[in-house]
């Protein structure tokens, strides 16, 4: 019972820094009253997560490891969707807008 939980946490730990970045970028955008991009990014990440869960767990036979991998991938994609919007509006050094 403990071994599957340890496997899950080891894989999920790979996304810990990204989760922190998601929280910061989402909070920054919400503070600027820009709520559409975070909502779309989180919704898209949830859809990707559910889809990958089905693919990896049911069809891939990966079990709990598949669930962890699906979650990590969806979190990286969520951050990739939030990062450009956050950089355009907040960073004076990485600003993509003129």
C-alpha atoms as a PDB file:
ATOM      1  CA  UNK A   1       0.000   0.000   0.000  1.00  0.00           C
ATOM      2  CA  UNK A   2       2.877   2.379   0.706  1.00  0.00           C
ATOM      3  CA  UNK A   3       4.899   1.530  -2.414  1.00  0.00           C
ATOM      4  CA  UNK A   4       2.325   2.866  -4.919  1.00  0.00           C
ATOM      5  CA  UNK A   5       1.992   6.068  -2.905  1.00  0.00           C
ATOM      6  CA  UNK A   6       5.760   6.526  -2.913  1.00  0.00           C
ATOM      7  CA  UNK A   7       5.863   5.964  -6.683  1.00  0.00           C
ATOM      8  CA  UNK A   8       3.095   8.527  -7.168  1.00  0.00           C
ATOM      9  CA  UNK A   9       4.799  11.136  -4.986  1.00  0.00           C
ATOM     10  CA  UNK A  10       8.198  10.648  -6.634  1.00  0.00           C
ATOM     11  CA  UNK A  11       6.731  11.322 -10.051  1.00  0.00           C
ATOM     12  CA  UNK A  12       4.562  14.195  -8.849  1.00  0.00           C
ATOM     13  CA  UNK A  13       7.575  15.806  -7.156  1.00  0.00           C
ATOM     14  CA  UNK A  14       8.947  16.520 -10.629  1.00  0.00           C
ATOM     15  CA  UNK A  15       6.200  19.102 -11.051  1.00  0.00           C
ATOM     16  CA  UNK A  16       6.553  20.800  -7.648  1.00  0.00           C
ATOM     17  CA  UNK A  17       8.483  23.833  -8.972  1.00  0.00           C
ATOM     18  CA  UNK A  18       6.027  24.208 -11.845  1.00  0.00           C
ATOM     19  CA  UNK A  19       3.056  24.121  -9.478  1.00  0.00           C
ATOM     20  CA  UNK A  20       4.590  26.986  -7.526  1.00  0.00           C
ATOM     21  CA  UNK A  21       5.106  28.930 -10.762  1.00  0.00           C
ATOM     22  CA  UNK A  22       1.502  28.257 -11.790  1.00  0.00           C
ATOM     23  CA  UNK A  23       0.238  29.623  -8.495  1.00  0.00           C
ATOM     24  CA  UNK A  24       2.411  32.736  -8.744  1.00  0.00           C
ATOM     25  CA  UNK A  25       1.575  33.481 -12.376  1.00  0.00           C
ATOM     26  CA  UNK A  26      -2.124  32.811 -11.854  1.00  0.00           C
ATOM     27  CA  UNK A  27      -2.190  35.066  -8.803  1.00  0.00           C
ATOM     28  CA  UNK A  28      -0.309  37.790 -10.655  1.00  0.00           C
ATOM     29  CA  UNK A  29      -2.732  37.691 -13.561  1.00  0.00           C
ATOM     30  CA  UNK A  30      -5.752  37.659 -11.271  1.00  0.00           C
ATOM     31  CA  UNK A  31      -4.351  40.639  -9.366  1.00  0.00           C
ATOM     32  CA  UNK A  32      -4.230  42.498 -12.682  1.00  0.00           C
ATOM     33  CA  UNK A  33      -7.876  41.543 -13.286  1.00  0.00           C
ATOM     34  CA  UNK A  34      -6.893  39.215 -16.117  1.00  0.00           C
ATOM     35  CA  UNK A  35      -8.937  36.137 -15.282  1.00  0.00           C
ATOM     36  CA  UNK A  36      -9.664  34.671 -18.720  1.00  0.00           C
ATOM     37  CA  UNK A  37      -6.198  33.248 -19.471  1.00  0.00           C
ATOM     38  CA  UNK A  38      -5.844  31.475 -16.089  1.00  0.00           C
ATOM     39  CA  UNK A  39      -9.332  30.009 -16.397  1.00  0.00           C
ATOM     40  CA  UNK A  40      -8.667  28.708 -19.908  1.00  0.00           C
ATOM     41  CA  UNK A  41      -5.241  27.342 -18.931  1.00  0.00           C
ATOM     42  CA  UNK A  42      -6.600  25.459 -15.923  1.00  0.00           C
ATOM     43  CA  UNK A  43      -9.561  24.122 -17.876  1.00  0.00           C
ATOM     44  CA  UNK A  44      -7.268  22.931 -20.668  1.00  0.00           C
ATOM     45  CA  UNK A  45      -4.935  21.319 -18.127  1.00  0.00           C
ATOM     46  CA  UNK A  46      -7.873  19.474 -16.561  1.00  0.00           C
ATOM     47  CA  UNK A  47      -8.997  18.170 -19.957  1.00  0.00           C
ATOM     48  CA  UNK A  48      -5.446  17.049 -20.786  1.00  0.00           C
ATOM     49  CA  UNK A  49      -5.133  15.393 -17.385  1.00  0.00           C
ATOM     50  CA  UNK A  50      -8.366  13.427 -17.736  1.00  0.00           C
ATOM     51  CA  UNK A  51      -7.527  12.404 -21.297  1.00  0.00           C
ATOM     52  CA  UNK A  52      -4.031  11.266 -20.369  1.00  0.00           C
ATOM     53  CA  UNK A  53      -5.406   9.447 -17.320  1.00  0.00           C
ATOM     54  CA  UNK A  54      -7.648   7.398 -19.586  1.00  0.00           C
ATOM     55  CA  UNK A  55      -4.872   6.749 -22.091  1.00  0.00           C
ATOM     56  CA  UNK A  56      -2.114   5.914 -19.619  1.00  0.00           C
ATOM     57  CA  UNK A  57      -4.100   4.079 -16.962  1.00  0.00           C
ATOM     58  CA  UNK A  58      -6.656   2.165 -18.993  1.00  0.00           C
ATOM     59  CA  UNK A  59      -4.978   1.643 -22.352  1.00  0.00           C
ATOM     60  CA  UNK A  60      -1.354   1.951 -21.282  1.00  0.00           C
ATOM     61  CA  UNK A  61      -1.732  -0.243 -18.219  1.00  0.00           C
ATOM     62  CA  UNK A  62       0.474   2.082 -16.144  1.00  0.00           C
ATOM     63  CA  UNK A  63      -1.814   2.304 -13.122  1.00  0.00           C
ATOM     64  CA  UNK A  64      -0.942   4.888 -10.510  1.00  0.00           C
ATOM     65  CA  UNK A  65       2.275   5.822 -12.316  1.00  0.00           C
ATOM     66  CA  UNK A  66       0.191   6.742 -15.344  1.00  0.00           C
ATOM     67  CA  UNK A  67      -1.995   8.988 -13.201  1.00  0.00           C
ATOM     68  CA  UNK A  68       1.053  10.762 -11.809  1.00  0.00           C
ATOM     69  CA  UNK A  69       2.620  11.205 -15.243  1.00  0.00           C
ATOM     70  CA  UNK A  70      -0.648  12.571 -16.648  1.00  0.00           C
ATOM     71  CA  UNK A  71      -0.869  15.107 -13.836  1.00  0.00           C
ATOM     72  CA  UNK A  72       2.742  16.220 -14.273  1.00  0.00           C
ATOM     73  CA  UNK A  73       2.321  16.675 -18.024  1.00  0.00           C
ATOM     74  CA  UNK A  74      -0.885  18.662 -17.585  1.00  0.00           C
ATOM     75  CA  UNK A  75       0.755  20.930 -15.019  1.00  0.00           C
ATOM     76  CA  UNK A  76       3.687  21.674 -17.319  1.00  0.00           C
ATOM     77  CA  UNK A  77       1.246  22.490 -20.128  1.00  0.00           C
ATOM     78  CA  UNK A  78      -0.737  24.759 -17.820  1.00  0.00           C
ATOM     79  CA  UNK A  79       2.411  26.658 -16.937  1.00  0.00           C
ATOM     80  CA  UNK A  80       3.379  26.897 -20.605  1.00  0.00           C
ATOM     81  CA  UNK A  81      -0.017  28.469 -21.309  1.00  0.00           C
ATOM     82  CA  UNK A  82       0.238  30.944 -18.415  1.00  0.00           C
ATOM     83  CA  UNK A  83       3.848  32.012 -18.844  1.00  0.00           C
ATOM     84  CA  UNK A  84       3.515  34.161 -21.995  1.00  0.00           C
ATOM     85  CA  UNK A  85       0.579  36.120 -20.588  1.00  0.00           C
ATOM     86  CA  UNK A  86       2.394  36.685 -17.321  1.00  0.00           C
ATOM     87  CA  UNK A  87       5.662  37.738 -19.001  1.00  0.00           C
ATOM     88  CA  UNK A  88       3.921  40.171 -21.338  1.00  0.00           C
ATOM     89  CA  UNK A  89       2.248  42.012 -18.502  1.00  0.00           C
ATOM     90  CA  UNK A  90       4.650  41.903 -15.586  1.00  0.00           C
ATOM     91  CA  UNK A  91       8.323  41.392 -16.331  1.00  0.00           C
ATOM     92  CA  UNK A  92      10.386  44.443 -17.277  1.00  0.00           C
ATOM     93  CA  UNK A  93      13.312  42.210 -18.282  1.00  0.00           C
ATOM     94  CA  UNK A  94      11.446  39.469 -20.125  1.00  0.00           C
ATOM     95  CA  UNK A  95       8.682  41.639 -21.496  1.00  0.00           C
ATOM     96  CA  UNK A  96       7.400  40.444 -24.859  1.00  0.00           C
ATOM     97  CA  UNK A  97       5.205  43.495 -25.464  1.00  0.00           C
ATOM     98  CA  UNK A  98       6.494  46.890 -26.532  1.00  0.00           C
END
